[in-house]
Amino acid sequence: MQASYSVRLLKLSSGERFPVLLDLESGLPDFSVTSFSLIHLRGRNLAVNTIRNSVYHLKVFLTFLISRKIDLRQRMVKSDLLFDFEIQDLVDFCKLNLGELNKRQALSNVKFPYVPDSVISASAANRIRLIAEYLNFLVVTELVKLDSSSQKFRKLDAVKKLCIDSLLARAPDGGNRNFINQRQGLDELVAKKLLAVTSRSSSENPWKGTFVRVRNELIIRWLYALGLRRAELLNVKVSDIDFRQEKVTVFRRPDELSDPRINAPNVKTAGRIIPLSSDLCRMTYEYVLNVRRLLPLASKHEYLIVADKTGAPLSIDALNKLFMQLRRFNSFFPSDLTCHVLRHTWNDNFSVSMDASGVSEADERKMRSYLMGWSEFSGTAAQYTRRHVRKKANQVSLAMQNKILNDKNE
């Protein structure tokens, strides 16, 4: 089963990025998916990353149809859609990750058993719900061409409802009851090791060349000290930094026309002003003054973090590669070390500081939400404090056990 579709991001003349599902045989965007994206996704003012994820979900669905030789258009002509066994097959298919879809073809002639890679239940459920919405769109598009009083209209409408209800009923529970492998921040020793290794003067630093060492050290310090998302960091402009007052303003810049990156970093948190420590501010100033300005394209834009050799704004893929290089270079670092893990680490460190300062829970929630760019009432903080909560819970558990044993001995 070879991939027949590819998700591409188009940059429109307005600066807007729009994802399309490209048919690799024709070289053209799939008409139905594009229509659905424009009407039902873009029309709801969804973020470009949300639309892109939805297009990936539809890529999975169309890949399923091709692999099972199902022609939905011909089915709808006969007032049919998906049969019950196909619906269950589709649900199972939606649980596979995109890499597994291609791997299955490569392993099609292999006799030994293997355990397929799968996505988490919440991701599979999102796929199924989006596919159900797309199926509804396809059938409604056909229904409007028919006489609403005709038998064919009534049959196709009934089949649509039956198929979609059956599909949604089989969507896995999106909740995750397993606390063991959920993402959390770095423990203290690993965090110290990361800061030491990425220091520009470290003998363990994996990168060669002054620029790359200075820039990568700055990237790690910003992510570790400020807890920014990767898109927020890549969106920071030199003019956003007030070096005198030692602070940075994090802006939301959707559809920035001046950003040359096709896959532009999309900030989804609220804009805010964050203080910079004197050391971090000085390190940033020296990078801008002595290193960044030497690259040819750096003078053409204001983005703080730039690519080596060219000076163009650093891409998301290049930032991801930085962490991949760290993971490969040093086995001491966890396999899930990413930008977002440092965001979790910041939240753990913030919790420790708040505990030490005796700040009330309500005030801590307000301060954390502001610095992270969340709504005060979003409840997002619980996703970012797992290590701290687990550590405190373990301390309480051990204290209870010791008390029980001491009481028994007495």
Protein backbone atom coordinates (compact mmCIF):
# COMPACT_ATOMS: atom_id res chain seq x y z
CA MET A 1 0.00 0.00 0.00
CA GLN A 2 1.87 3.03 -1.25
CA ALA A 3 0.98 6.51 -0.03
CA SER A 4 -1.18 8.27 -2.64
CA TYR A 5 -1.61 11.55 -0.81
CA SER A 6 0.61 14.17 0.77
CA VAL A 7 -0.33 17.04 3.06
CA ARG A 8 1.09 20.35 1.82
CA LEU A 9 0.90 23.83 3.31
CA LEU A 10 0.19 26.65 0.87
CA LYS A 11 1.08 30.27 1.60
CA LEU A 12 -1.57 32.59 0.15
CA SER A 13 -0.92 36.15 -1.00
CA SER A 14 -2.58 37.42 2.20
CA GLY A 15 -0.01 35.56 4.30
CA GLU A 16 -2.55 32.93 5.36
CA ARG A 17 -1.32 29.33 5.43
CA PHE A 18 -3.79 26.75 4.15
CA PRO A 19 -3.24 22.95 4.27
CA VAL A 20 -4.29 20.85 1.28
CA LEU A 21 -4.30 17.13 0.59
CA LEU A 22 -2.34 16.63 -2.61
CA ASP A 23 -3.18 13.69 -4.86
CA LEU A 24 0.28 12.44 -5.87
CA GLU A 25 -1.02 10.86 -9.07
CA SER A 26 -2.68 13.97 -10.47
CA GLY A 27 -0.52 16.52 -8.67
CA LEU A 28 -3.68 18.40 -7.68
CA PRO A 29 -5.37 18.98 -4.30
CA ASP A 30 -8.21 16.55 -3.59
CA PHE A 31 -11.38 18.47 -4.46
CA SER A 32 -13.70 17.07 -1.79
CA VAL A 33 -11.17 17.41 1.04
CA THR A 34 -10.33 20.96 -0.03
CA SER A 35 -14.03 21.90 -0.20
CA PHE A 36 -14.63 20.38 3.22
CA SER A 37 -11.63 22.22 4.68
CA LEU A 38 -12.74 25.56 3.27
CA ILE A 39 -16.39 25.28 4.26
CA HIS A 40 -16.34 23.36 7.53
CA LEU A 41 -12.89 24.05 8.99
CA ARG A 42 -11.58 27.37 7.72
CA GLY A 43 -15.15 28.71 7.85
CA ARG A 44 -15.11 28.16 11.62
CA ASN A 45 -11.91 30.20 11.96
CA LEU A 46 -9.95 27.20 13.21
CA ALA A 47 -6.19 27.56 13.65
CA VAL A 48 -4.06 26.42 10.71
CA ASN A 49 -2.52 23.61 12.80
CA THR A 50 -6.00 22.34 13.69
CA ILE A 51 -6.97 22.33 10.01
CA ARG A 52 -3.73 20.58 9.09
CA ASN A 53 -4.35 17.86 11.69
CA SER A 54 -7.83 17.40 10.25
CA VAL A 55 -6.40 17.03 6.74
CA TYR A 56 -4.02 14.36 8.08
CA HIS A 57 -7.05 12.55 9.53
CA LEU A 58 -8.68 12.59 6.10
CA LYS A 59 -5.46 11.31 4.55
CA VAL A 60 -5.82 8.27 6.82
CA PHE A 61 -9.43 7.83 5.69
CA LEU A 62 -8.65 8.08 1.97
CA THR A 63 -5.71 5.71 2.42
CA PHE A 64 -8.12 3.26 4.04
CA LEU A 65 -10.56 3.53 1.12
CA ILE A 66 -7.80 2.91 -1.40
CA SER A 67 -6.40 -0.06 0.53
CA ARG A 68 -9.87 -1.64 0.74
CA LYS A 69 -10.79 -0.72 -2.87
CA ILE A 70 -13.87 1.21 -1.71
CA ASP A 71 -15.34 3.78 -4.12
CA LEU A 72 -17.63 5.96 -2.00
CA ARG A 73 -19.02 7.80 -5.01
CA GLN A 74 -20.22 4.56 -6.57
CA ARG A 75 -21.58 3.42 -3.22
CA MET A 76 -23.64 6.60 -2.85
CA VAL A 77 -25.10 6.17 -6.33
CA LYS A 78 -26.54 2.89 -5.03
CA SER A 79 -27.61 4.57 -1.75
CA ASP A 80 -24.90 2.68 0.17
CA LEU A 81 -21.95 3.90 2.22
CA LEU A 82 -19.87 1.66 4.51
CA PHE A 83 -20.94 -1.77 5.65
CA ASP A 84 -20.78 -2.78 9.31
CA PHE A 85 -17.61 -4.89 8.99
CA GLU A 86 -15.94 -2.04 7.08
CA ILE A 87 -16.82 0.42 9.84
CA GLN A 88 -15.08 -1.78 12.41
CA ASP A 89 -12.13 -2.17 10.04
CA LEU A 90 -11.95 1.62 9.68
CA VAL A 91 -12.00 2.09 13.46
CA ASP A 92 -9.05 -0.33 13.79
CA PHE A 93 -7.27 1.43 10.93
CA CYS A 94 -7.65 4.79 12.70
CA LYS A 95 -5.69 3.46 15.65
CA LEU A 96 -2.53 3.07 13.57
CA ASN A 97 0.02 5.85 13.33
CA LEU A 98 0.89 7.21 9.89
CA GLY A 99 4.23 5.38 9.80
CA GLU A 100 2.49 2.11 10.54
CA LEU A 101 0.20 2.56 7.52
CA ASN A 102 3.22 2.35 5.20
CA LYS A 103 4.94 -0.33 7.29
CA ARG A 104 1.98 -2.67 6.88
CA GLN A 105 2.61 -2.91 3.15
CA ALA A 106 6.30 -3.61 3.71
CA LEU A 107 5.42 -6.40 6.16
CA SER A 108 2.57 -7.82 4.09
CA ASN A 109 4.56 -10.92 3.11
CA VAL A 110 6.26 -11.39 6.48
CA LYS A 111 4.94 -14.38 8.43
CA PHE A 112 6.23 -13.64 11.93
CA PRO A 113 3.93 -11.63 14.25
CA TYR A 114 4.73 -8.03 15.13
CA VAL A 115 3.16 -5.43 17.40
CA PRO A 116 1.91 -2.46 15.34
CA ASP A 117 2.60 1.09 16.46
CA SER A 118 -0.61 2.83 17.43
CA VAL A 119 -1.75 6.31 18.38
CA ILE A 120 -3.26 7.14 21.76
CA SER A 121 -6.99 6.69 22.19
CA ALA A 122 -7.68 10.43 22.10
CA SER A 123 -5.99 10.75 18.69
CA ALA A 124 -7.87 7.78 17.27
CA ALA A 125 -11.14 9.24 18.58
CA ASN A 126 -10.35 12.59 16.97
CA ARG A 127 -9.74 10.86 13.64
CA ILE A 128 -13.00 8.98 13.82
CA ARG A 129 -15.05 12.06 14.72
CA LEU A 130 -13.48 14.07 11.90
CA ILE A 131 -14.08 11.24 9.40
CA ALA A 132 -17.72 11.07 10.52
CA GLU A 133 -18.05 14.81 9.90
CA TYR A 134 -16.48 14.41 6.46
CA LEU A 135 -18.79 11.51 5.58
CA ASN A 136 -21.77 13.64 6.54
CA PHE A 137 -20.44 16.41 4.25
CA LEU A 138 -20.05 14.01 1.31
CA VAL A 139 -23.53 12.56 1.65
CA VAL A 140 -25.23 15.92 2.17
CA THR A 141 -23.47 17.15 -0.99
CA GLU A 142 -25.17 14.29 -2.86
CA LEU A 143 -28.52 14.69 -1.10
CA VAL A 144 -28.96 18.28 -2.24
CA LYS A 145 -28.97 17.01 -5.82
CA LEU A 146 -31.95 14.71 -5.15
CA ASP A 147 -35.64 15.27 -4.69
CA SER A 148 -36.23 15.18 -0.94
CA SER A 149 -39.45 13.21 -1.45
CA SER A 150 -37.76 10.49 -3.51
CA GLN A 151 -37.09 7.01 -2.21
CA LYS A 152 -33.40 7.31 -3.10
CA PHE A 153 -33.11 10.47 -0.95
CA ARG A 154 -34.74 8.80 2.05
CA LYS A 155 -32.64 5.65 1.73
CA LEU A 156 -29.32 7.50 1.40
CA ASP A 157 -30.20 9.80 4.29
CA ALA A 158 -31.05 6.80 6.48
CA VAL A 159 -27.84 5.00 5.49
CA LYS A 160 -25.84 8.13 6.33
CA LYS A 161 -27.32 8.34 9.82
CA LEU A 162 -26.84 4.62 10.47
CA CYS A 163 -23.23 4.65 9.26
CA ILE A 164 -22.19 7.78 11.17
CA ASP A 165 -23.92 6.71 14.39
CA SER A 166 -22.22 3.30 14.19
CA LEU A 167 -18.83 4.89 13.53
CA LEU A 168 -19.09 7.35 16.42
CA ALA A 169 -20.32 4.64 18.77
CA ARG A 170 -17.11 2.69 18.19
CA ALA A 171 -14.77 5.63 18.78
CA PRO A 172 -12.44 4.77 21.69
CA ASP A 173 -12.68 6.62 24.96
CA GLY A 174 -10.47 9.68 24.59
CA GLY A 175 -9.52 9.65 28.26
CA ASN A 176 -6.09 8.42 29.32
CA ARG A 177 -6.18 6.47 32.58
CA ASN A 178 -2.50 5.52 32.44
CA PHE A 179 -0.33 7.91 34.44
CA ILE A 180 2.90 6.00 33.90
CA ASN A 181 4.01 7.16 30.44
CA GLN A 182 2.47 10.61 30.33
CA ARG A 183 4.79 13.46 29.39
CA GLN A 184 6.41 15.26 32.30
CA GLY A 185 9.34 17.56 33.05
CA LEU A 186 12.99 16.59 33.44
CA ASP A 187 14.25 15.57 36.83
CA GLU A 188 16.82 17.86 38.42
CA LEU A 189 19.94 15.88 37.48
CA VAL A 190 18.94 15.59 33.81
CA ALA A 191 18.10 19.31 33.65
CA LYS A 192 21.50 20.25 35.09
CA LYS A 193 23.21 17.92 32.62
CA LEU A 194 21.32 19.51 29.72
CA LEU A 195 22.37 23.02 30.73
CA ALA A 196 25.97 21.90 31.18
CA VAL A 197 26.24 20.02 27.87
CA THR A 198 24.69 22.85 25.83
CA SER A 199 27.00 25.50 27.27
CA ARG A 200 29.03 26.96 24.39
CA SER A 201 32.31 26.23 26.22
CA SER A 202 31.48 22.65 27.22
CA SER A 203 33.79 19.91 25.99
CA GLU A 204 30.67 17.72 25.72
CA ASN A 205 28.84 20.16 23.43
CA PRO A 206 27.76 18.16 20.34
CA TRP A 207 27.88 21.06 17.87
CA LYS A 208 30.78 22.52 15.93
CA GLY A 209 31.23 26.19 15.13
CA THR A 210 30.81 29.31 17.24
CA PHE A 211 27.47 30.41 15.82
CA VAL A 212 25.67 27.09 16.29
CA ARG A 213 27.00 26.68 19.84
CA VAL A 214 26.00 30.21 20.87
CA ARG A 215 22.58 30.04 19.24
CA ASN A 216 21.72 26.58 20.58
CA GLU A 217 22.81 27.52 24.09
CA LEU A 218 20.49 30.54 23.85
CA ILE A 219 17.61 28.38 22.61
CA ILE A 220 17.92 25.95 25.52
CA ARG A 221 18.21 28.79 28.07
CA TRP A 222 15.12 30.57 26.73
CA LEU A 223 13.02 27.41 26.70
CA TYR A 224 14.23 26.30 30.14
CA ALA A 225 13.99 29.70 31.84
CA LEU A 226 10.76 30.96 30.26
CA GLY A 227 8.78 27.80 29.48
CA LEU A 228 7.87 29.03 25.99
CA ARG A 229 6.30 26.88 23.33
CA ARG A 230 8.53 26.29 20.32
CA ALA A 231 6.28 28.46 18.12
CA GLU A 232 6.49 31.30 20.64
CA LEU A 233 10.28 31.19 20.64
CA LEU A 234 10.51 31.06 16.85
CA ASN A 235 8.10 34.01 16.60
CA VAL A 236 10.10 36.30 18.89
CA LYS A 237 11.54 39.30 17.05
CA VAL A 238 14.50 41.35 18.21
CA SER A 239 12.18 44.36 18.48
CA ASP A 240 9.98 42.39 20.93
CA ILE A 241 12.81 42.51 23.48
CA ASP A 242 13.30 45.53 25.70
CA PHE A 243 16.95 45.16 26.66
CA ARG A 244 16.90 48.15 29.01
CA GLN A 245 13.94 47.01 31.06
CA GLU A 246 14.89 43.33 30.61
CA LYS A 247 11.60 41.95 29.34
CA VAL A 248 10.14 40.35 26.22
CA THR A 249 6.65 40.67 24.75
CA VAL A 250 5.23 37.44 23.33
CA PHE A 251 2.91 38.33 20.45
CA ARG A 252 0.36 36.30 18.51
CA ARG A 253 1.05 36.89 14.81
CA PRO A 254 -1.35 34.73 12.79
CA ASP A 255 -0.80 34.77 9.02
CA GLU A 256 2.26 37.01 9.24
CA LEU A 257 2.89 38.12 5.65
CA SER A 258 6.55 38.96 6.26
CA ASP A 259 7.36 35.49 7.59
CA PRO A 260 9.08 33.61 4.73
CA ARG A 261 8.54 30.19 6.35
CA ILE A 262 5.75 28.20 4.65
CA ASN A 263 5.18 26.20 7.83
CA ALA A 264 5.13 29.34 9.96
CA PRO A 265 5.19 28.82 13.76
CA ASN A 266 1.65 29.36 14.97
CA VAL A 267 1.32 30.83 18.49
CA LYS A 268 -1.88 29.64 20.14
CA THR A 269 -1.38 31.04 23.64
CA ALA A 270 -2.25 34.59 24.69
CA GLY A 271 0.16 37.49 24.21
CA ARG A 272 1.97 38.63 27.35
CA ILE A 273 5.02 40.42 28.75
CA ILE A 274 7.62 38.24 30.49
CA PRO A 275 10.61 39.50 32.52
CA LEU A 276 14.11 38.37 31.54
CA SER A 277 16.86 37.76 34.04
CA SER A 278 19.91 40.00 33.69
CA ASP A 279 22.06 37.05 32.63
CA LEU A 280 19.61 35.85 30.00
CA CYS A 281 19.07 39.37 28.71
CA ARG A 282 22.82 39.95 28.42
CA MET A 283 23.34 36.60 26.68
CA THR A 284 20.61 37.49 24.18
CA TYR A 285 22.03 40.96 23.54
CA GLU A 286 25.51 39.59 22.88
CA TYR A 287 24.07 36.99 20.48
CA VAL A 288 22.22 39.70 18.52
CA LEU A 289 25.14 42.11 18.47
CA ASN A 290 28.07 39.79 17.90
CA VAL A 291 26.74 36.66 16.21
CA ARG A 292 23.35 37.02 14.55
CA ARG A 293 24.18 40.17 12.57
CA LEU A 294 27.09 38.45 10.77
CA LEU A 295 24.75 36.19 8.74
CA PRO A 296 23.64 37.51 5.32
CA LEU A 297 19.85 37.12 5.59
CA ALA A 298 19.58 38.14 9.25
CA SER A 299 19.37 41.82 8.28
CA LYS A 300 16.32 41.08 6.07
CA HIS A 301 14.03 40.23 8.99
CA GLU A 302 13.68 40.67 12.75
CA TYR A 303 13.22 37.11 13.99
CA LEU A 304 15.56 36.39 16.88
CA ILE A 305 16.44 32.75 16.25
CA VAL A 306 17.98 32.20 12.84
CA ALA A 307 19.44 29.38 10.78
CA ASP A 308 23.18 28.94 10.60
CA LYS A 309 24.94 29.80 7.31
CA THR A 310 21.99 31.81 5.90
CA GLY A 311 20.47 33.78 8.78
CA ALA A 312 16.91 32.97 7.63
CA PRO A 313 14.29 32.51 10.38
CA LEU A 314 14.80 29.10 11.98
CA SER A 315 12.17 26.53 10.97
CA ILE A 316 10.19 24.23 13.25
CA ASP A 317 11.86 21.20 11.65
CA ALA A 318 15.32 22.63 12.35
CA LEU A 319 14.42 23.23 16.00
CA ASN A 320 13.10 19.67 16.30
CA LYS A 321 16.36 18.42 14.75
CA LEU A 322 18.33 20.21 17.48
CA PHE A 323 16.63 18.07 20.15
CA MET A 324 16.99 14.93 18.04
CA GLN A 325 20.75 15.57 17.89
CA LEU A 326 20.87 15.97 21.67
CA ARG A 327 19.00 12.70 22.22
CA ARG A 328 21.28 10.82 19.84
CA PHE A 329 24.47 12.36 21.16
CA ASN A 330 23.95 11.59 24.84
CA SER A 331 22.05 8.53 26.09
CA PHE A 332 21.70 10.26 29.46
CA PHE A 333 18.89 12.35 27.98
CA PRO A 334 15.39 10.80 27.82
CA SER A 335 14.02 9.62 24.49
CA ASP A 336 11.18 12.15 24.72
CA LEU A 337 13.42 15.20 25.23
CA THR A 338 11.74 18.00 23.23
CA CYS A 339 10.91 21.69 23.49
CA HIS A 340 7.65 20.79 25.17
CA VAL A 341 9.36 18.73 27.86
CA LEU A 342 11.23 21.90 28.85
CA ARG A 343 7.85 23.64 29.16
CA HIS A 344 6.79 20.92 31.58
CA THR A 345 10.11 21.35 33.41
CA TRP A 346 9.49 25.09 33.80
CA ASN A 347 6.13 24.34 35.39
CA ASP A 348 7.72 21.89 37.83
CA ASN A 349 10.30 24.51 38.79
CA PHE A 350 7.57 27.12 39.16
CA SER A 351 5.63 24.82 41.50
CA VAL A 352 8.72 24.35 43.69
CA SER A 353 9.26 28.12 43.87
CA MET A 354 5.61 28.72 44.77
CA ASP A 355 5.75 26.08 47.51
CA ALA A 356 8.88 27.68 48.94
CA SER A 357 7.30 31.17 48.82
CA GLY A 358 4.09 30.08 50.53
CA VAL A 359 1.91 31.54 47.75
CA SER A 360 -1.78 30.63 47.95
CA GLU A 361 -3.13 28.11 45.45
CA ALA A 362 -5.41 30.70 43.86
CA ASP A 363 -2.60 33.22 43.35
CA GLU A 364 -0.28 30.51 42.05
CA ARG A 365 -2.87 29.49 39.45
CA LYS A 366 -3.29 33.10 38.29
CA MET A 367 0.46 33.72 38.01
CA ARG A 368 1.14 30.44 36.24
CA SER A 369 -1.68 30.98 33.77
CA TYR A 370 -0.45 34.49 32.94
CA LEU A 371 3.17 33.46 32.41
CA MET A 372 2.14 30.47 30.27
CA GLY A 373 -0.42 32.44 28.24
CA TRP A 374 -3.42 30.40 29.42
CA SER A 375 -6.85 31.48 30.48
CA GLU A 376 -7.06 31.69 34.27
CA PHE A 377 -9.95 29.22 34.21
CA SER A 378 -8.65 26.80 31.56
CA GLY A 379 -7.38 24.12 33.95
CA THR A 380 -4.43 23.47 31.61
CA ALA A 381 -1.90 23.63 34.45
CA ALA A 382 -2.72 20.07 35.55
CA GLN A 383 -1.14 18.74 32.33
CA TYR A 384 2.17 20.46 33.11
CA THR A 385 2.75 19.65 36.78
CA ARG A 386 2.75 15.83 36.72
CA ARG A 387 6.31 15.38 38.04
CA HIS A 388 5.81 17.86 40.87
CA VAL A 389 2.43 16.36 41.82
CA ARG A 390 3.84 12.83 41.70
CA LYS A 391 6.81 13.83 43.89
CA LYS A 392 4.57 15.45 46.49
CA ALA A 393 2.17 12.50 46.40
CA ASN A 394 5.08 10.08 46.95
CA GLN A 395 6.32 12.14 49.89
CA VAL A 396 2.87 12.05 51.49
CA SER A 397 2.55 8.31 50.81
CA LEU A 398 5.92 7.53 52.42
CA ALA A 399 5.09 9.73 55.41
CA MET A 400 1.82 7.81 55.90
CA GLN A 401 3.58 4.44 55.63
CA ASN A 402 6.26 5.47 58.14
CA LYS A 403 3.62 6.71 60.54
CA ILE A 404 1.73 3.41 60.31
CA LEU A 405 4.90 1.41 61.01
CA ASN A 406 5.91 3.69 63.89
CA ASP A 407 2.45 3.40 65.45
CA LYS A 408 2.63 -0.37 65.13
CA ASN A 409 6.08 -0.53 66.80
CA GLU A 410 4.90 1.65 69.65
